[in-house]
């Protein structure tokens, strides 16, 4: 039996989530001098990366408990990577970056909750 659309989206989102996790971990641990320079504010980059991971992870896993675990896991990962960066030569851990990671997870989770509500038809329907 072929999977329905939701199952396919969930599977693709899980794959994208894990690829994103690997990318964030790699970019967090590579030496600073080989990373590309960006014109954006560093904390904005952190918030965007973790926000996208929260949204994609939310589409990949089913149920509020799973969504909570994705969010908490991302916050712990972000803080942990900042601690590891503090002990890594050529990298600097930052409380501001850890807070930006948390803000990204929170905003991504709120966006996901809004999207889920819209997809269920609770907003924008005529009564």
Protein backbone atom coordinates (compact mmCIF):
# COMPACT_ATOMS: atom_id res chain seq x y z
CA UNK A 1 0.00 0.00 0.00
CA UNK A 2 1.52 3.39 -0.97
CA UNK A 3 1.97 5.93 1.83
CA UNK A 4 -0.45 8.82 1.99
CA UNK A 5 0.72 12.42 1.55
CA UNK A 6 1.15 13.07 5.26
CA UNK A 7 3.33 10.01 5.74
CA UNK A 8 5.52 11.04 2.80
CA UNK A 9 5.86 14.61 4.10
CA UNK A 10 6.74 13.27 7.55
CA UNK A 11 9.43 10.97 6.12
CA UNK A 12 10.95 13.72 3.97
CA UNK A 13 10.85 16.15 6.90
CA UNK A 14 12.67 13.64 9.13
CA UNK A 15 15.38 13.22 6.51
CA UNK A 16 15.72 17.00 6.12
CA UNK A 17 15.77 17.43 9.90
CA UNK A 18 18.63 14.98 10.39
CA UNK A 19 20.58 16.48 7.47
CA UNK A 20 20.04 19.90 9.03
CA UNK A 21 21.25 18.64 12.41
CA UNK A 22 24.43 17.27 10.86
CA UNK A 23 25.00 20.56 9.03
CA UNK A 24 24.49 22.67 12.18
CA UNK A 25 26.79 20.43 14.21
CA UNK A 26 29.48 20.47 11.51
CA UNK A 27 29.29 24.24 11.04
CA UNK A 28 29.45 24.71 14.81
CA UNK A 29 32.59 22.62 15.18
CA UNK A 30 34.60 23.51 12.07
CA UNK A 31 37.47 25.98 12.57
CA UNK A 32 36.21 29.55 12.28
CA UNK A 33 38.74 30.51 9.61
CA UNK A 34 37.36 28.04 7.04
CA UNK A 35 33.75 29.15 7.46
CA UNK A 36 32.38 31.67 4.96
CA UNK A 37 31.90 35.25 6.10
CA UNK A 38 28.31 36.48 6.15
CA UNK A 39 26.96 39.99 6.12
CA UNK A 40 24.22 39.11 8.58
CA UNK A 41 24.24 39.48 12.33
CA UNK A 42 25.66 36.27 13.86
CA UNK A 43 22.77 35.76 16.28
CA UNK A 44 20.30 36.10 13.39
CA UNK A 45 22.08 33.21 11.65
CA UNK A 46 21.75 31.13 14.83
CA UNK A 47 18.06 31.97 15.29
CA UNK A 48 17.27 31.18 11.65
CA UNK A 49 19.10 27.85 11.69
CA UNK A 50 17.46 26.64 14.89
CA UNK A 51 14.07 28.04 13.87
CA UNK A 52 14.17 26.12 10.59
CA UNK A 53 15.23 22.97 12.44
CA UNK A 54 12.29 23.38 14.84
CA UNK A 55 9.80 23.76 11.98
CA UNK A 56 11.20 20.90 9.92
CA UNK A 57 11.47 18.67 12.99
CA UNK A 58 7.89 19.53 13.86
CA UNK A 59 6.70 18.36 10.46
CA UNK A 60 8.76 15.19 10.82
CA UNK A 61 7.49 13.96 14.15
CA UNK A 62 3.92 13.36 15.24
CA UNK A 63 2.31 14.47 18.48
CA UNK A 64 2.89 17.21 21.04
CA UNK A 65 5.25 15.07 23.12
CA UNK A 66 7.51 14.57 20.10
CA UNK A 67 7.37 18.27 19.27
CA UNK A 68 8.32 19.13 22.83
CA UNK A 69 11.23 16.69 22.70
CA UNK A 70 12.43 18.17 19.38
CA UNK A 71 12.31 21.68 20.84
CA UNK A 72 14.01 20.77 24.11
CA UNK A 73 16.57 18.67 22.26
CA UNK A 74 17.44 21.59 19.98
CA UNK A 75 17.84 23.96 22.93
CA UNK A 76 20.13 21.46 24.69
CA UNK A 77 22.08 20.88 21.47
CA UNK A 78 22.55 24.61 20.93
CA UNK A 79 23.77 25.19 24.48
CA UNK A 80 25.97 22.10 24.36
CA UNK A 81 27.59 23.14 21.10
CA UNK A 82 28.37 26.55 22.58
CA UNK A 83 30.06 24.82 25.53
CA UNK A 84 32.07 22.61 23.17
CA UNK A 85 33.08 25.68 21.16
CA UNK A 86 34.41 27.25 24.36
CA UNK A 87 36.85 24.34 24.67
CA UNK A 88 37.71 24.17 20.95
CA UNK A 89 40.81 26.00 19.71
CA UNK A 90 39.87 28.67 17.19
CA UNK A 91 36.23 28.79 18.31
CA UNK A 92 34.46 30.86 20.93
CA UNK A 93 31.34 29.77 22.76
CA UNK A 94 28.82 32.50 23.38
CA UNK A 95 25.88 32.89 25.72
CA UNK A 96 24.36 35.30 23.16
CA UNK A 97 24.53 32.56 20.52
CA UNK A 98 22.91 30.04 22.89
CA UNK A 99 20.10 32.52 23.60
CA UNK A 100 19.70 33.14 19.85
CA UNK A 101 19.41 29.37 19.35
CA UNK A 102 16.68 29.24 22.00
CA UNK A 103 14.84 32.19 20.42
CA UNK A 104 15.01 30.47 17.04
CA UNK A 105 13.54 27.27 18.48
CA UNK A 106 10.77 29.25 20.21
CA UNK A 107 9.88 31.24 17.08
CA UNK A 108 10.04 28.14 14.89
CA UNK A 109 7.80 26.27 17.31
CA UNK A 110 5.29 29.13 17.35
CA UNK A 111 5.31 29.26 13.56
CA UNK A 112 4.76 25.51 13.45
CA UNK A 113 1.87 25.73 15.90
CA UNK A 114 0.27 28.43 13.76
CA UNK A 115 0.78 26.40 10.61
CA UNK A 116 -0.73 23.31 12.22
CA UNK A 117 -3.75 25.34 13.31
CA UNK A 118 -4.20 26.73 9.80
CA UNK A 119 -3.86 23.30 8.23
CA UNK A 120 -6.54 21.95 10.52
CA UNK A 121 -8.87 24.73 9.39
CA UNK A 122 -9.37 26.34 12.78
CA UNK A 123 -8.41 29.79 11.49
CA UNK A 124 -9.90 31.45 8.46
CA UNK A 125 -13.02 29.33 8.20
CA UNK A 126 -16.48 30.89 7.90
CA UNK A 127 -19.00 30.16 10.55
